[in-house]
């Protein structure tokens, strides 16, 4: 797999690792803040992990808009042009 190829399963595993939850817990309806207690520090850690994994730059404003797993998928797809 190249650095920019997007696999939802891989992305879900990465996000689950950062949020310290099981990947299965990350449903499309799971809310990062309400369900998992994500704060600005965890959001920053997620942004850095996504930048490293996919070779993209994510602005603070962009990661602040991420609330659920579909938001992460859309953000990364937009960034890598997948």
N, C-alpha and C. Protein backbone atom coordinates (compact mmCIF):
# COMPACT_ATOMS: atom_id res chain seq x y z
N UNK A 1 0.84 -1.18 0.00
CA UNK A 1 0.00 0.00 0.00
C UNK A 1 0.89 1.24 0.00
N UNK A 2 0.57 2.16 -0.89
CA UNK A 2 1.33 3.39 -0.89
C UNK A 2 0.83 4.30 0.22
N UNK A 3 1.59 5.31 0.49
CA UNK A 3 1.28 6.18 1.61
C UNK A 3 -0.06 6.89 1.45
N UNK A 4 -0.47 7.15 0.21
CA UNK A 4 -1.68 7.92 0.01
C UNK A 4 -2.92 7.07 -0.27
N UNK A 5 -2.78 5.77 -0.41
CA UNK A 5 -3.96 4.93 -0.60
C UNK A 5 -4.77 4.90 0.69
N UNK A 6 -6.09 4.99 0.52
CA UNK A 6 -6.95 5.11 1.68
C UNK A 6 -7.75 3.84 1.89
N UNK A 7 -7.56 3.24 3.03
CA UNK A 7 -8.35 2.09 3.46
C UNK A 7 -9.10 2.51 4.72
N UNK A 8 -10.43 2.41 4.67
CA UNK A 8 -11.21 2.80 5.84
C UNK A 8 -10.82 1.96 7.06
N UNK A 9 -10.54 0.68 6.86
CA UNK A 9 -10.16 -0.18 7.98
C UNK A 9 -8.86 0.29 8.62
N UNK A 10 -7.87 0.62 7.79
CA UNK A 10 -6.59 1.12 8.31
C UNK A 10 -6.78 2.45 9.04
N UNK A 11 -7.59 3.30 8.44
CA UNK A 11 -7.87 4.60 9.04
C UNK A 11 -8.59 4.43 10.38
N UNK A 12 -9.53 3.51 10.41
CA UNK A 12 -10.27 3.25 11.65
C UNK A 12 -9.34 2.70 12.73
N UNK A 13 -8.42 1.84 12.36
CA UNK A 13 -7.44 1.31 13.31
C UNK A 13 -6.56 2.43 13.88
N UNK A 14 -6.12 3.32 13.00
CA UNK A 14 -5.28 4.44 13.43
C UNK A 14 -6.04 5.34 14.41
N UNK A 15 -7.26 5.70 14.05
CA UNK A 15 -8.07 6.57 14.91
C UNK A 15 -8.35 5.87 16.24
N UNK A 16 -8.69 4.60 16.20
CA UNK A 16 -8.98 3.84 17.42
C UNK A 16 -7.75 3.82 18.34
N UNK A 17 -6.57 3.66 17.75
CA UNK A 17 -5.34 3.65 18.54
C UNK A 17 -5.13 5.00 19.24
N UNK A 18 -5.35 6.08 18.52
CA UNK A 18 -5.18 7.41 19.11
C UNK A 18 -6.22 7.66 20.21
N UNK A 19 -7.46 7.24 19.96
CA UNK A 19 -8.54 7.48 20.93
C UNK A 19 -8.54 6.44 22.05
N UNK A 20 -7.70 5.42 21.92
CA UNK A 20 -7.60 4.35 22.91
C UNK A 20 -8.94 3.63 23.09
N UNK A 21 -9.54 3.26 21.95
CA UNK A 21 -10.78 2.48 21.94
C UNK A 21 -10.63 1.33 20.95
N UNK A 22 -11.54 0.39 21.01
CA UNK A 22 -11.55 -0.70 20.03
C UNK A 22 -12.05 -0.15 18.70
N UNK A 23 -11.49 -0.60 17.58
CA UNK A 23 -11.93 -0.11 16.28
C UNK A 23 -13.44 -0.29 16.06
N UNK A 24 -14.00 -1.36 16.59
CA UNK A 24 -15.43 -1.63 16.43
C UNK A 24 -16.29 -0.57 17.11
N UNK A 25 -15.72 0.13 18.09
CA UNK A 25 -16.46 1.18 18.79
C UNK A 25 -16.65 2.42 17.93
N UNK A 26 -15.85 2.54 16.88
CA UNK A 26 -15.92 3.72 16.01
C UNK A 26 -16.95 3.50 14.92
N UNK A 27 -18.21 3.64 15.28
CA UNK A 27 -19.28 3.56 14.29
C UNK A 27 -19.44 4.92 13.63
N UNK A 28 -20.21 4.96 12.57
CA UNK A 28 -20.45 6.24 11.90
C UNK A 28 -21.18 7.23 12.80
N UNK A 29 -21.91 6.72 13.78
CA UNK A 29 -22.68 7.59 14.67
C UNK A 29 -21.94 7.96 15.95
N UNK A 30 -20.82 7.31 16.24
CA UNK A 30 -20.05 7.62 17.45
C UNK A 30 -19.52 9.03 17.38
N UNK A 31 -19.74 9.79 18.44
CA UNK A 31 -19.28 11.17 18.51
C UNK A 31 -18.00 11.19 19.33
N UNK A 32 -16.92 11.73 18.74
CA UNK A 32 -15.61 11.69 19.39
C UNK A 32 -15.60 12.36 20.76
N UNK A 33 -16.23 13.52 20.87
CA UNK A 33 -16.22 14.25 22.13
C UNK A 33 -17.19 13.63 23.12
N UNK A 34 -18.44 13.45 22.72
CA UNK A 34 -19.47 12.96 23.62
C UNK A 34 -19.25 11.51 24.05
N UNK A 35 -18.84 10.66 23.10
CA UNK A 35 -18.71 9.23 23.40
C UNK A 35 -17.32 8.83 23.89
N UNK A 36 -16.28 9.54 23.44
CA UNK A 36 -14.92 9.12 23.76
C UNK A 36 -14.11 10.17 24.52
N UNK A 37 -14.69 11.31 24.80
CA UNK A 37 -14.01 12.33 25.58
C UNK A 37 -12.81 12.98 24.90
N UNK A 38 -12.85 13.06 23.58
CA UNK A 38 -11.74 13.67 22.85
C UNK A 38 -11.66 15.16 23.19
N UNK A 39 -10.44 15.59 23.52
CA UNK A 39 -10.20 17.00 23.79
C UNK A 39 -9.23 17.54 22.74
N UNK A 40 -8.83 18.79 22.89
CA UNK A 40 -7.98 19.41 21.89
C UNK A 40 -6.61 18.74 21.77
N UNK A 41 -6.09 18.21 22.86
CA UNK A 41 -4.80 17.54 22.82
C UNK A 41 -4.89 16.23 22.04
N UNK A 42 -5.94 15.47 22.26
CA UNK A 42 -6.13 14.22 21.52
C UNK A 42 -6.39 14.53 20.05
N UNK A 43 -7.15 15.59 19.78
CA UNK A 43 -7.40 15.98 18.40
C UNK A 43 -6.10 16.34 17.69
N UNK A 44 -5.22 17.04 18.38
CA UNK A 44 -3.92 17.39 17.81
C UNK A 44 -3.10 16.13 17.54
N UNK A 45 -3.12 15.20 18.48
CA UNK A 45 -2.41 13.93 18.30
C UNK A 45 -2.96 13.18 17.09
N UNK A 46 -4.28 13.21 16.91
CA UNK A 46 -4.90 12.57 15.75
C UNK A 46 -4.44 13.25 14.46
N UNK A 47 -4.41 14.57 14.45
CA UNK A 47 -3.98 15.31 13.26
C UNK A 47 -2.54 14.95 12.89
N UNK A 48 -1.66 14.90 13.87
CA UNK A 48 -0.26 14.56 13.62
C UNK A 48 -0.14 13.13 13.07
N UNK A 49 -0.89 12.20 13.65
CA UNK A 49 -0.85 10.82 13.18
C UNK A 49 -1.35 10.71 11.74
N UNK A 50 -2.41 11.43 11.41
CA UNK A 50 -2.93 11.42 10.04
C UNK A 50 -1.94 12.05 9.08
N UNK A 51 -1.31 13.14 9.50
CA UNK A 51 -0.31 13.79 8.65
C UNK A 51 0.85 12.86 8.35
N UNK A 52 1.32 12.17 9.36
CA UNK A 52 2.45 11.25 9.18
C UNK A 52 2.06 10.06 8.31
N UNK A 53 0.91 9.50 8.57
CA UNK A 53 0.49 8.29 7.84
C UNK A 53 0.21 8.57 6.38
N UNK A 54 -0.44 9.71 6.10
CA UNK A 54 -0.89 9.98 4.73
C UNK A 54 -0.09 11.07 4.02
N UNK A 55 0.92 11.62 4.69
CA UNK A 55 1.77 12.61 4.05
C UNK A 55 1.04 13.89 3.66
N UNK A 56 0.12 14.32 4.51
CA UNK A 56 -0.66 15.52 4.23
C UNK A 56 -0.48 16.53 5.36
N UNK A 57 -0.97 17.74 5.16
CA UNK A 57 -0.98 18.75 6.21
C UNK A 57 -2.42 18.99 6.61
N UNK A 58 -2.69 19.02 7.90
CA UNK A 58 -4.04 19.25 8.41
C UNK A 58 -4.00 20.46 9.33
N UNK A 59 -4.78 21.46 8.96
CA UNK A 59 -4.84 22.69 9.76
C UNK A 59 -5.64 22.44 11.03
N UNK A 60 -5.33 23.22 12.04
CA UNK A 60 -6.03 23.12 13.32
C UNK A 60 -7.54 23.28 13.14
N UNK A 61 -7.94 24.19 12.25
CA UNK A 61 -9.36 24.42 11.99
C UNK A 61 -10.02 23.19 11.37
N UNK A 62 -9.27 22.48 10.55
CA UNK A 62 -9.82 21.29 9.89
C UNK A 62 -10.06 20.17 10.89
N UNK A 63 -9.10 19.91 11.75
CA UNK A 63 -9.25 18.83 12.72
C UNK A 63 -10.32 19.19 13.75
N UNK A 64 -10.52 20.46 14.00
CA UNK A 64 -11.55 20.89 14.95
C UNK A 64 -12.95 20.58 14.42
N UNK A 65 -13.09 20.43 13.12
CA UNK A 65 -14.39 20.12 12.52
C UNK A 65 -14.71 18.63 12.53
N UNK A 66 -13.74 17.81 12.88
CA UNK A 66 -13.92 16.36 12.89
C UNK A 66 -14.65 15.94 14.16
N UNK A 67 -15.81 15.34 13.98
CA UNK A 67 -16.64 14.92 15.11
C UNK A 67 -16.90 13.42 15.14
N UNK A 68 -16.91 12.81 13.96
CA UNK A 68 -17.25 11.39 13.83
C UNK A 68 -16.33 10.73 12.80
N UNK A 69 -16.37 9.43 12.75
CA UNK A 69 -15.51 8.69 11.82
C UNK A 69 -15.72 9.11 10.37
N UNK A 70 -16.95 9.31 9.90
CA UNK A 70 -17.10 9.77 8.51
C UNK A 70 -16.41 11.10 8.23
N UNK A 71 -16.31 11.96 9.25
CA UNK A 71 -15.60 13.23 9.09
C UNK A 71 -14.11 12.99 8.85
N UNK A 72 -13.55 12.02 9.56
CA UNK A 72 -12.13 11.69 9.38
C UNK A 72 -11.90 11.16 7.97
N UNK A 73 -12.77 10.25 7.55
CA UNK A 73 -12.64 9.66 6.21
C UNK A 73 -12.72 10.76 5.15
N UNK A 74 -13.70 11.64 5.26
CA UNK A 74 -13.86 12.72 4.27
C UNK A 74 -12.65 13.65 4.26
N UNK A 75 -12.14 13.98 5.44
CA UNK A 75 -10.97 14.86 5.53
C UNK A 75 -9.76 14.24 4.84
N UNK A 76 -9.48 12.99 5.16
CA UNK A 76 -8.31 12.33 4.58
C UNK A 76 -8.49 12.15 3.07
N UNK A 77 -9.70 11.77 2.64
CA UNK A 77 -9.94 11.63 1.19
C UNK A 77 -9.70 12.95 0.47
N UNK A 78 -10.19 14.03 1.06
CA UNK A 78 -10.00 15.35 0.46
C UNK A 78 -8.51 15.70 0.38
N UNK A 79 -7.79 15.38 1.43
CA UNK A 79 -6.37 15.74 1.49
C UNK A 79 -5.51 14.92 0.54
N UNK A 80 -5.81 13.63 0.41
CA UNK A 80 -4.98 12.79 -0.46
C UNK A 80 -5.50 12.76 -1.89
N UNK A 81 -6.68 13.33 -2.09
CA UNK A 81 -7.26 13.34 -3.42
C UNK A 81 -7.75 11.98 -3.86
N UNK A 82 -8.14 11.15 -2.88
CA UNK A 82 -8.61 9.78 -3.19
C UNK A 82 -10.03 9.80 -3.68
